[in-house]
Protein backbone atom coordinates (compact mmCIF):
# COMPACT_ATOMS: atom_id res chain seq x y z
CA MET A 1 199.54 158.46 145.83
CA ARG A 2 201.76 160.07 148.16
CA GLN A 3 200.26 157.84 150.81
CA TRP A 4 201.21 154.71 149.07
CA GLN A 5 204.75 156.22 148.41
CA ALA A 6 205.24 156.61 152.13
CA VAL A 7 204.24 153.12 153.15
CA HIS A 8 206.07 151.47 149.99
CA PRO A 9 208.42 153.88 148.79
CA GLY A 10 209.99 151.77 145.96
CA LEU A 11 206.42 150.97 144.45
CA ASP A 12 205.60 152.58 141.14
CA THR A 13 202.07 153.41 142.18
CA GLY A 14 201.23 155.34 138.27
CA PRO A 15 199.29 152.47 137.26
CA MET A 16 197.05 152.60 140.08
CA GLU A 17 196.45 156.39 139.58
CA ILE A 18 195.56 156.12 136.40
CA ILE A 19 193.26 153.28 136.68
CA GLY A 20 191.81 154.78 139.97
CA ARG A 21 191.22 157.99 138.19
CA ILE A 22 189.52 156.06 135.23
CA ASN A 23 187.16 154.48 137.96
CA ARG A 24 186.49 157.49 139.69
CA CYS A 25 185.14 159.45 136.26
CA ALA A 26 183.07 156.46 135.69
CA ALA A 27 181.59 156.21 139.07
CA LEU A 28 180.90 160.20 138.83
CA LEU A 29 179.41 159.88 135.75
CA GLN A 30 177.20 157.09 136.86
CA GLN A 31 176.04 159.36 139.64
CA ALA A 32 174.74 162.18 137.81
CA GLU A 33 172.64 159.42 135.62
CA ASP A 34 172.78 161.28 132.20
CA ALA A 35 170.01 163.70 132.92
CA PRO A 36 167.87 163.63 129.49
CA LEU A 37 168.07 160.03 129.58
CA ARG A 38 166.68 160.11 132.95
CA ARG A 39 163.85 162.66 131.67
CA ALA A 40 162.85 160.19 129.17
CA GLY A 41 162.80 157.22 131.57
CA LEU A 42 165.93 155.50 130.10
CA SER A 43 168.93 154.28 131.75
CA ARG A 44 172.13 154.72 129.90
CA PRO A 45 172.10 151.13 129.36
CA GLU A 46 168.65 150.63 127.58
CA PHE A 47 169.89 153.72 125.90
CA ASP A 48 173.18 152.00 124.72
CA LEU A 49 170.79 149.57 123.47
CA LEU A 50 168.69 151.71 121.38
CA GLY A 51 171.17 153.69 119.96
CA ALA A 52 173.01 150.60 118.59
CA LEU A 53 169.97 149.16 116.73
CA ARG A 54 169.56 152.92 115.33
CA ARG A 55 173.26 153.60 114.47
CA THR A 56 173.53 150.13 112.96
CA GLY A 57 170.53 150.99 110.71
CA HIS A 58 169.94 147.23 110.63
CA GLU A 59 167.99 144.07 113.13
CA LEU A 60 170.41 142.69 115.38
CA THR A 61 170.19 139.76 117.27
CA PRO A 62 170.44 139.64 121.49
CA GLY A 63 173.97 138.68 120.95
CA GLU A 64 174.99 141.03 118.35
CA LEU A 65 173.65 143.39 120.88
CA ALA A 66 175.23 142.39 123.99
CA ARG A 67 179.01 142.59 121.48
CA GLU A 68 177.80 146.20 120.62
CA THR A 69 177.10 147.06 124.03
CA PHE A 70 179.89 145.25 126.11
CA SER A 71 176.90 143.67 128.26
CA SER A 72 176.18 140.50 129.36
CA GLY A 73 173.07 137.94 127.52
CA ALA A 74 171.40 138.13 130.48
CA ALA A 75 171.42 142.04 130.86
CA VAL A 76 170.55 142.28 127.32
CA THR A 77 167.44 139.93 127.62
CA LYS A 78 166.15 142.09 130.63
CA ARG A 79 166.71 145.37 129.25
CA LEU A 80 165.26 144.07 125.62
CA LYS A 81 161.82 142.68 127.79
CA GLN A 82 161.30 146.52 128.98
CA LEU A 83 161.94 147.80 125.85
CA THR A 84 159.77 145.69 123.80
CA GLU A 85 156.85 146.17 126.56
CA ARG A 86 157.35 150.17 126.02
CA GLY A 87 156.75 149.18 122.21
CA LEU A 88 160.79 150.81 121.38
CA VAL A 89 161.83 147.43 119.99
CA GLU A 90 160.36 144.98 117.94
CA ARG A 91 161.17 141.22 117.55
CA ARG A 92 160.94 139.26 114.48
CA GLY A 93 161.78 135.22 114.81
CA ASP A 94 164.41 133.94 112.17
CA SER A 95 162.59 132.08 109.09
CA ARG A 96 165.32 129.59 109.28
CA ASP A 97 166.06 129.11 112.85
CA ARG A 98 163.31 129.31 115.47
CA ARG A 99 165.56 129.70 118.17
CA VAL A 100 167.24 133.18 116.75
CA VAL A 101 165.54 136.40 116.86
CA HIS A 102 166.04 139.46 115.43
CA LEU A 103 165.50 143.17 117.10
CA ARG A 104 164.97 146.43 115.52
CA LEU A 105 163.21 149.97 116.68
CA THR A 106 159.93 150.66 116.30
CA ASP A 107 158.91 153.79 115.16
CA ALA A 108 158.18 155.03 118.63
CA GLY A 109 162.14 153.74 119.34
CA ARG A 110 163.56 155.53 116.48
CA GLU A 111 161.74 158.57 117.56
CA LEU A 112 163.18 158.74 121.05
CA VAL A 113 166.52 157.96 119.82
CA ASP A 114 166.57 160.78 117.64
CA GLY A 115 164.70 163.21 119.86
CA ILE A 116 166.95 162.28 123.08
CA LEU A 117 170.35 162.50 121.16
CA PRO A 118 170.66 166.14 120.84
CA ALA A 119 169.82 166.91 124.16
CA GLN A 120 172.47 163.90 125.66
CA LEU A 121 175.36 165.23 123.27
CA THR A 122 174.77 168.70 124.93
CA TYR A 123 174.85 167.30 127.99
CA GLU A 124 178.19 165.73 127.09
CA THR A 125 179.56 168.48 125.98
CA ALA A 126 178.69 169.80 129.06
CA VAL A 127 180.87 167.19 131.15
CA LEU A 128 183.52 167.75 129.08
CA SER A 129 183.56 171.55 128.90
CA GLY A 130 186.54 171.69 131.36
CA LEU A 131 188.70 170.06 128.61
CA ASP A 132 189.25 172.39 125.41
CA GLY A 133 188.96 170.66 121.76
CA PRO A 134 192.69 169.32 121.56
CA GLU A 135 192.54 168.05 125.04
CA GLN A 136 189.28 165.77 124.35
CA GLY A 137 190.96 164.71 121.20
CA GLU A 138 193.97 163.65 123.06
CA LEU A 139 192.11 161.90 125.88
CA ALA A 140 189.83 160.04 123.47
CA ALA A 141 192.39 158.94 121.35
CA LEU A 142 194.39 157.74 124.24
CA LEU A 143 191.48 156.12 125.94
CA GLY A 144 190.62 154.35 122.45
CA GLU A 145 194.13 153.15 122.27
CA LEU A 146 193.59 151.79 125.82
CA LEU A 147 190.19 150.14 125.23
CA GLY A 148 191.45 148.28 122.63
CA GLN A 149 194.51 146.57 124.28
CA LEU A 150 192.38 145.95 126.86
CA GLU A 151 189.72 144.25 124.59
CA GLY A 152 192.49 142.10 122.69
CA ARG A 153 194.43 141.31 126.01
CA LEU A 154 191.39 140.43 127.97
CA GLY A 155 189.18 138.53 125.41
CA ALA A 156 192.47 136.17 124.90
CA LEU A 157 192.43 135.48 128.30
CA ARG A 158 189.11 134.38 127.76
CA SER A 159 188.98 132.11 125.47
């Protein structure tokens, strides 16, 4: 930011500083590759799909899963194919509309998610260990507020 201030002293680079740090954190977290998930042969996006099915506790359509995980329909379709082939997710056709598919975890999928979750949470706790409890709460609240604003604003722009 000092370099930008030297080149353009009149510009407020504060927003760039925040966005840049968020992007850098995301890149570092992606590079770490979520060790417990990797050991289980899962990517973070695959775990997010399995987790969405587990935490909602009911069947979801591919479109609902895409919205729940902020993924594109094509990405969800590709991941679901792999997870279905591994026996972690099963598909059920809709009795009223043959175009609709309902998805749910198999017993193996549920066992995998439930087995990985404690190790993944331990890993994520270690990642955030440099921040104390109140700092983590404050960060979560601020990011939640930003996320809510972005979802509303960007969703309106897409409409």
